[in-house]
Amino acid sequence: MQGIDVLVDEHKNIVRFHVFLRKICCDIIEGAKVDVQLLRECLEFAKNYADKYHHGKEEEILFKIMIEQSGDVGQKLIKNGMLVEHDLARYYLDELESSLNAYERNSGTEYKYGVIVSAGSYAELLKRHVEKENKVVYTFAQRELSPEDLEKVSKLGLERDNEEHQAAIKEKYLKWLDEKTGSC
């Protein structure tokens, strides 16, 4: 499997997470109690699987090669688009953590609102971001990068996935996702 195909497969897991997180937000809007423990687990999944594991591969391998090899358009696409959105996602995760902390101190409506806004904003960003990467960024990379650079993306991605720590992250969080959403 080519490196970009692996990233697309990881996006399928991230989309499953998006649907799950969105459902949690909708349930809260409809009157469900804020399940702080579950949302902290979601935060952990997002920080470790979606960001460190998946975004880490994109930033350290694919995007790095695209910035080096794909000219001004590729550089702008990555630096002014995808990396900005990765940072925005991290901001929403920080806000969610702060909102959960505030909600634990005071479970009033204002604090519940903060939880919903942060989690919902993150979930919606994920959905749009995945679509852009799958339809625009990855297509651009496959068209503009040389076969050698695409092979390098695959090789480096596989090496990273085979690192003991990375494999453990993937296994732990996909198991959690399956438990929460059912394996798809």
C-alpha atoms as a PDB file:
ATOM      1  CA  MET A   1       0.000   0.000   0.000  1.00  0.00           C
ATOM      2  CA  GLN A   2       1.344   3.413  -0.934  1.00  0.00           C
ATOM      3  CA  GLY A   3       2.002   6.008   1.780  1.00  0.00           C
ATOM      4  CA  ILE A   4      -0.792   8.299   0.658  1.00  0.00           C
ATOM      5  CA  ASP A   5      -3.246   5.369   0.665  1.00  0.00           C
ATOM      6  CA  VAL A   6      -2.307   4.696   4.289  1.00  0.00           C
ATOM      7  CA  LEU A   7      -3.057   8.332   5.162  1.00  0.00           C
ATOM      8  CA  VAL A   8      -6.448   8.044   3.430  1.00  0.00           C
ATOM      9  CA  ASP A   9      -7.196   4.911   5.483  1.00  0.00           C
ATOM     10  CA  GLU A  10      -6.282   6.772   8.666  1.00  0.00           C
ATOM     11  CA  HIS A  11      -8.713   9.485   7.622  1.00  0.00           C
ATOM     12  CA  LYS A  12     -11.496   6.885   7.685  1.00  0.00           C
ATOM     13  CA  ASN A  13     -10.789   6.365  11.383  1.00  0.00           C
ATOM     14  CA  ILE A  14     -10.700  10.106  11.980  1.00  0.00           C
ATOM     15  CA  VAL A  15     -14.060  10.500  10.225  1.00  0.00           C
ATOM     16  CA  ARG A  16     -15.522   7.776  12.471  1.00  0.00           C
ATOM     17  CA  PHE A  17     -14.240   9.765  15.428  1.00  0.00           C
ATOM     18  CA  HIS A  18     -15.776  12.966  13.996  1.00  0.00           C
ATOM     19  CA  VAL A  19     -19.191  11.276  13.800  1.00  0.00           C
ATOM     20  CA  PHE A  20     -18.845   9.978  17.372  1.00  0.00           C
ATOM     21  CA  LEU A  21     -17.778  13.364  18.779  1.00  0.00           C
ATOM     22  CA  ARG A  22     -20.549  15.131  16.904  1.00  0.00           C
ATOM     23  CA  LYS A  23     -23.091  12.703  18.360  1.00  0.00           C
ATOM     24  CA  ILE A  24     -21.814  13.425  21.875  1.00  0.00           C
ATOM     25  CA  CYS A  25     -22.312  17.154  21.239  1.00  0.00           C
ATOM     26  CA  CYS A  26     -25.814  16.607  19.860  1.00  0.00           C
ATOM     27  CA  ASP A  27     -26.728  14.451  22.853  1.00  0.00           C
ATOM     28  CA  ILE A  28     -25.611  17.213  25.220  1.00  0.00           C
ATOM     29  CA  ILE A  29     -27.684  19.758  23.301  1.00  0.00           C
ATOM     30  CA  GLU A  30     -30.676  17.427  23.671  1.00  0.00           C
ATOM     31  CA  GLY A  31     -30.193  17.297  27.431  1.00  0.00           C
ATOM     32  CA  ALA A  32     -27.671  14.554  28.116  1.00  0.00           C
ATOM     33  CA  LYS A  33     -25.220  15.116  30.932  1.00  0.00           C
ATOM     34  CA  VAL A  34     -21.700  16.151  29.957  1.00  0.00           C
ATOM     35  CA  ASP A  35     -19.676  12.945  30.301  1.00  0.00           C
ATOM     36  CA  VAL A  36     -16.367  14.519  31.265  1.00  0.00           C
ATOM     37  CA  GLN A  37     -14.529  11.189  31.385  1.00  0.00           C
ATOM     38  CA  LEU A  38     -15.669  10.217  27.889  1.00  0.00           C
ATOM     39  CA  LEU A  39     -14.761  13.639  26.511  1.00  0.00           C
ATOM     40  CA  ARG A  40     -11.313  13.379  28.114  1.00  0.00           C
ATOM     41  CA  GLU A  41     -10.926  10.032  26.325  1.00  0.00           C
ATOM     42  CA  CYS A  42     -11.946  11.776  23.090  1.00  0.00           C
ATOM     43  CA  LEU A  43      -9.371  14.460  23.796  1.00  0.00           C
ATOM     44  CA  GLU A  44      -6.723  11.783  24.308  1.00  0.00           C
ATOM     45  CA  PHE A  45      -7.682  10.075  21.016  1.00  0.00           C
ATOM     46  CA  ALA A  46      -7.564  13.381  19.160  1.00  0.00           C
ATOM     47  CA  LYS A  47      -4.212  14.437  20.613  1.00  0.00           C
ATOM     48  CA  ASN A  48      -2.491  11.081  20.240  1.00  0.00           C
ATOM     49  CA  TYR A  49      -4.004   9.387  17.181  1.00  0.00           C
ATOM     50  CA  ALA A  50      -5.312  12.228  15.005  1.00  0.00           C
ATOM     51  CA  ASP A  51      -2.578  14.710  15.849  1.00  0.00           C
ATOM     52  CA  LYS A  52       0.658  13.055  16.983  1.00  0.00           C
ATOM     53  CA  TYR A  53       0.237   9.843  14.992  1.00  0.00           C
ATOM     54  CA  HIS A  54      -1.541  10.964  11.807  1.00  0.00           C
ATOM     55  CA  HIS A  55      -0.701  14.675  11.551  1.00  0.00           C
ATOM     56  CA  GLY A  56       2.816  13.836  12.676  1.00  0.00           C
ATOM     57  CA  LYS A  57       3.291  11.606   9.625  1.00  0.00           C
ATOM     58  CA  GLU A  58       1.844  14.224   7.333  1.00  0.00           C
ATOM     59  CA  GLU A  59       3.976  17.043   8.727  1.00  0.00           C
ATOM     60  CA  GLU A  60       7.240  15.151   9.106  1.00  0.00           C
ATOM     61  CA  ILE A  61       7.055  13.137   5.896  1.00  0.00           C
ATOM     62  CA  LEU A  62       4.537  14.078   3.176  1.00  0.00           C
ATOM     63  CA  PHE A  63       4.274  17.811   3.813  1.00  0.00           C
ATOM     64  CA  LYS A  64       8.020  18.162   4.291  1.00  0.00           C
ATOM     65  CA  ILE A  65       8.641  16.509   0.916  1.00  0.00           C
ATOM     66  CA  MET A  66       5.900  18.580  -0.726  1.00  0.00           C
ATOM     67  CA  ILE A  67       7.389  21.819   0.604  1.00  0.00           C
ATOM     68  CA  GLU A  68      10.825  20.804  -0.695  1.00  0.00           C
ATOM     69  CA  GLN A  69       9.733  19.425  -4.078  1.00  0.00           C
ATOM     70  CA  SER A  70       6.431  20.859  -5.292  1.00  0.00           C
ATOM     71  CA  GLY A  71       7.202  24.518  -5.914  1.00  0.00           C
ATOM     72  CA  ASP A  72       5.372  27.649  -4.809  1.00  0.00           C
ATOM     73  CA  VAL A  73       1.872  26.234  -5.177  1.00  0.00           C
ATOM     74  CA  GLY A  74       2.687  23.184  -3.070  1.00  0.00           C
ATOM     75  CA  GLN A  75       4.452  25.286  -0.459  1.00  0.00           C
ATOM     76  CA  LYS A  76       1.483  27.659  -0.153  1.00  0.00           C
ATOM     77  CA  LEU A  77      -0.987  24.764  -0.036  1.00  0.00           C
ATOM     78  CA  ILE A  78       0.883  23.214   2.870  1.00  0.00           C
ATOM     79  CA  LYS A  79       2.162  26.232   4.794  1.00  0.00           C
ATOM     80  CA  ASN A  80      -0.891  28.491   4.385  1.00  0.00           C
ATOM     81  CA  GLY A  81      -3.502  25.748   4.374  1.00  0.00           C
ATOM     82  CA  MET A  82      -2.866  22.404   5.962  1.00  0.00           C
ATOM     83  CA  LEU A  83      -0.382  23.463   8.645  1.00  0.00           C
ATOM     84  CA  VAL A  84      -2.632  26.365   9.649  1.00  0.00           C
ATOM     85  CA  GLU A  85      -5.546  23.937   9.997  1.00  0.00           C
ATOM     86  CA  HIS A  86      -3.419  21.522  12.053  1.00  0.00           C
ATOM     87  CA  ASP A  87      -2.640  24.412  14.398  1.00  0.00           C
ATOM     88  CA  LEU A  88      -6.317  25.392  14.531  1.00  0.00           C
ATOM     89  CA  ALA A  89      -7.201  21.814  15.462  1.00  0.00           C
ATOM     90  CA  ARG A  90      -4.662  21.952  18.302  1.00  0.00           C
ATOM     91  CA  TYR A  91      -6.203  25.226  19.464  1.00  0.00           C
ATOM     92  CA  TYR A  92      -9.682  23.637  19.596  1.00  0.00           C
ATOM     93  CA  LEU A  93      -8.279  20.707  21.570  1.00  0.00           C
ATOM     94  CA  ASP A  94      -6.682  23.092  24.064  1.00  0.00           C
ATOM     95  CA  GLU A  95      -9.990  24.934  24.329  1.00  0.00           C
ATOM     96  CA  LEU A  96     -11.843  21.666  24.896  1.00  0.00           C
ATOM     97  CA  GLU A  97      -9.460  20.743  27.693  1.00  0.00           C
ATOM     98  CA  SER A  98      -9.909  24.169  29.297  1.00  0.00           C
ATOM     99  CA  SER A  99     -13.678  23.923  28.896  1.00  0.00           C
ATOM    100  CA  LEU A 100     -13.769  20.499  30.529  1.00  0.00           C
ATOM    101  CA  ASN A 101     -11.684  21.809  33.432  1.00  0.00           C
ATOM    102  CA  ALA A 102     -14.035  24.786  33.853  1.00  0.00           C
ATOM    103  CA  TYR A 103     -17.101  22.536  33.603  1.00  0.00           C
ATOM    104  CA  GLU A 104     -15.756  20.279  36.343  1.00  0.00           C
ATOM    105  CA  ARG A 105     -15.439  23.320  38.631  1.00  0.00           C
ATOM    106  CA  ASN A 106     -18.875  24.668  37.712  1.00  0.00           C
ATOM    107  CA  SER A 107     -21.340  22.655  35.662  1.00  0.00           C
ATOM    108  CA  GLY A 108     -23.445  25.654  34.679  1.00  0.00           C
ATOM    109  CA  THR A 109     -24.865  26.253  31.231  1.00  0.00           C
ATOM    110  CA  GLU A 110     -22.086  28.669  30.268  1.00  0.00           C
ATOM    111  CA  TYR A 111     -19.474  25.980  30.894  1.00  0.00           C
ATOM    112  CA  LYS A 112     -21.508  23.322  29.113  1.00  0.00           C
ATOM    113  CA  TYR A 113     -21.673  25.707  26.153  1.00  0.00           C
ATOM    114  CA  GLY A 114     -17.871  25.959  26.145  1.00  0.00           C
ATOM    115  CA  VAL A 115     -17.575  22.173  25.977  1.00  0.00           C
ATOM    116  CA  ILE A 116     -20.032  21.918  23.084  1.00  0.00           C
ATOM    117  CA  VAL A 117     -18.474  24.776  21.113  1.00  0.00           C
ATOM    118  CA  SER A 118     -14.919  23.471  21.499  1.00  0.00           C
ATOM    119  CA  ALA A 119     -15.745  19.837  20.759  1.00  0.00           C
ATOM    120  CA  GLY A 120     -18.121  20.736  17.940  1.00  0.00           C
ATOM    121  CA  SER A 121     -15.674  23.155  16.334  1.00  0.00           C
ATOM    122  CA  TYR A 122     -12.955  20.529  16.418  1.00  0.00           C
ATOM    123  CA  ALA A 123     -15.270  17.875  14.957  1.00  0.00           C
ATOM    124  CA  GLU A 124     -16.393  20.091  12.087  1.00  0.00           C
ATOM    125  CA  LEU A 125     -12.827  21.185  11.333  1.00  0.00           C
ATOM    126  CA  LEU A 126     -11.813  17.523  11.119  1.00  0.00           C
ATOM    127  CA  LYS A 127     -14.517  16.767   8.588  1.00  0.00           C
ATOM    128  CA  ARG A 128     -13.599  19.669   6.275  1.00  0.00           C
ATOM    129  CA  HIS A 129      -9.886  19.105   6.732  1.00  0.00           C
ATOM    130  CA  VAL A 130     -10.063  15.415   5.792  1.00  0.00           C
ATOM    131  CA  GLU A 131     -12.071  16.256   2.667  1.00  0.00           C
ATOM    132  CA  LYS A 132      -9.495  18.863   1.587  1.00  0.00           C
ATOM    133  CA  GLU A 133      -6.574  16.559   2.146  1.00  0.00           C
ATOM    134  CA  ASN A 134      -8.176  13.609   0.372  1.00  0.00           C
ATOM    135  CA  LYS A 135      -9.507  15.584  -2.591  1.00  0.00           C
ATOM    136  CA  VAL A 136      -6.924  18.336  -3.008  1.00  0.00           C
ATOM    137  CA  VAL A 137      -3.660  17.837  -1.127  1.00  0.00           C
ATOM    138  CA  TYR A 138      -3.128  14.133  -1.707  1.00  0.00           C
ATOM    139  CA  THR A 139      -4.257  14.401  -5.342  1.00  0.00           C
ATOM    140  CA  PHE A 140      -1.843  17.293  -5.829  1.00  0.00           C
ATOM    141  CA  ALA A 141       0.975  15.289  -4.239  1.00  0.00           C
ATOM    142  CA  GLN A 142       0.306  12.258  -6.439  1.00  0.00           C
ATOM    143  CA  ARG A 143       0.291  14.444  -9.525  1.00  0.00           C
ATOM    144  CA  GLU A 144       3.226  16.735  -8.711  1.00  0.00           C
ATOM    145  CA  LEU A 145       5.705  14.577  -6.784  1.00  0.00           C
ATOM    146  CA  SER A 146       8.078  12.306  -8.636  1.00  0.00           C
ATOM    147  CA  PRO A 147       7.669   8.526  -8.373  1.00  0.00           C
ATOM    148  CA  GLU A 148      10.839   8.547  -6.257  1.00  0.00           C
ATOM    149  CA  ASP A 149       9.397  11.102  -3.835  1.00  0.00           C
ATOM    150  CA  LEU A 150       6.143   9.153  -3.592  1.00  0.00           C
ATOM    151  CA  GLU A 151       8.156   6.017  -2.856  1.00  0.00           C
ATOM    152  CA  LYS A 152      10.056   7.941  -0.192  1.00  0.00           C
ATOM    153  CA  VAL A 153       6.727   8.957   1.419  1.00  0.00           C
ATOM    154  CA  SER A 154       5.711   5.288   1.440  1.00  0.00           C
ATOM    155  CA  LYS A 155       9.036   4.043   2.800  1.00  0.00           C
ATOM    156  CA  LEU A 156       9.317   6.646   5.556  1.00  0.00           C
ATOM    157  CA  GLY A 157       5.656   6.216   6.506  1.00  0.00           C
ATOM    158  CA  LEU A 158       6.061   2.446   6.790  1.00  0.00           C
ATOM    159  CA  GLU A 159       9.221   2.836   8.851  1.00  0.00           C
ATOM    160  CA  ARG A 160       7.415   5.208  11.185  1.00  0.00           C
ATOM    161  CA  ASP A 161       4.396   2.890  11.492  1.00  0.00           C
ATOM    162  CA  ASN A 162       6.710   0.013  12.376  1.00  0.00           C
ATOM    163  CA  GLU A 163       8.324   1.904  15.258  1.00  0.00           C
ATOM    164  CA  GLU A 164       7.218   0.233  18.481  1.00  0.00           C
ATOM    165  CA  HIS A 165       5.840   3.440  19.997  1.00  0.00           C
ATOM    166  CA  GLN A 166       3.862   4.361  16.880  1.00  0.00           C
ATOM    167  CA  ALA A 167       2.444   0.864  16.499  1.00  0.00           C
ATOM    168  CA  ALA A 168       1.324   0.952  20.137  1.00  0.00           C
ATOM    169  CA  ILE A 169      -0.448   4.297  19.637  1.00  0.00           C
ATOM    170  CA  LYS A 170      -2.250   2.991  16.581  1.00  0.00           C
ATOM    171  CA  GLU A 171      -3.313  -0.232  18.291  1.00  0.00           C
ATOM    172  CA  LYS A 172      -4.476   1.463  21.503  1.00  0.00           C
ATOM    173  CA  TYR A 173      -6.561   4.167  19.876  1.00  0.00           C
ATOM    174  CA  LEU A 174      -8.099   2.048  17.133  1.00  0.00           C
ATOM    175  CA  LYS A 175      -9.166  -0.433  19.807  1.00  0.00           C
ATOM    176  CA  TRP A 176     -10.721   2.446  21.780  1.00  0.00           C
ATOM    177  CA  LEU A 177     -12.459   3.749  18.656  1.00  0.00           C
ATOM    178  CA  ASP A 178     -13.839   0.297  17.860  1.00  0.00           C
ATOM    179  CA  GLU A 179     -15.123  -0.070  21.430  1.00  0.00           C
ATOM    180  CA  LYS A 180     -16.867   3.301  21.315  1.00  0.00           C
ATOM    181  CA  THR A 181     -18.223   3.221  17.776  1.00  0.00           C
ATOM    182  CA  GLY A 182     -18.220  -0.432  16.752  1.00  0.00           C
ATOM    183  CA  SER A 183     -15.721  -1.584  14.157  1.00  0.00           C
ATOM    184  CA  CYS A 184     -16.623  -0.496  10.651  1.00  0.00           C
END
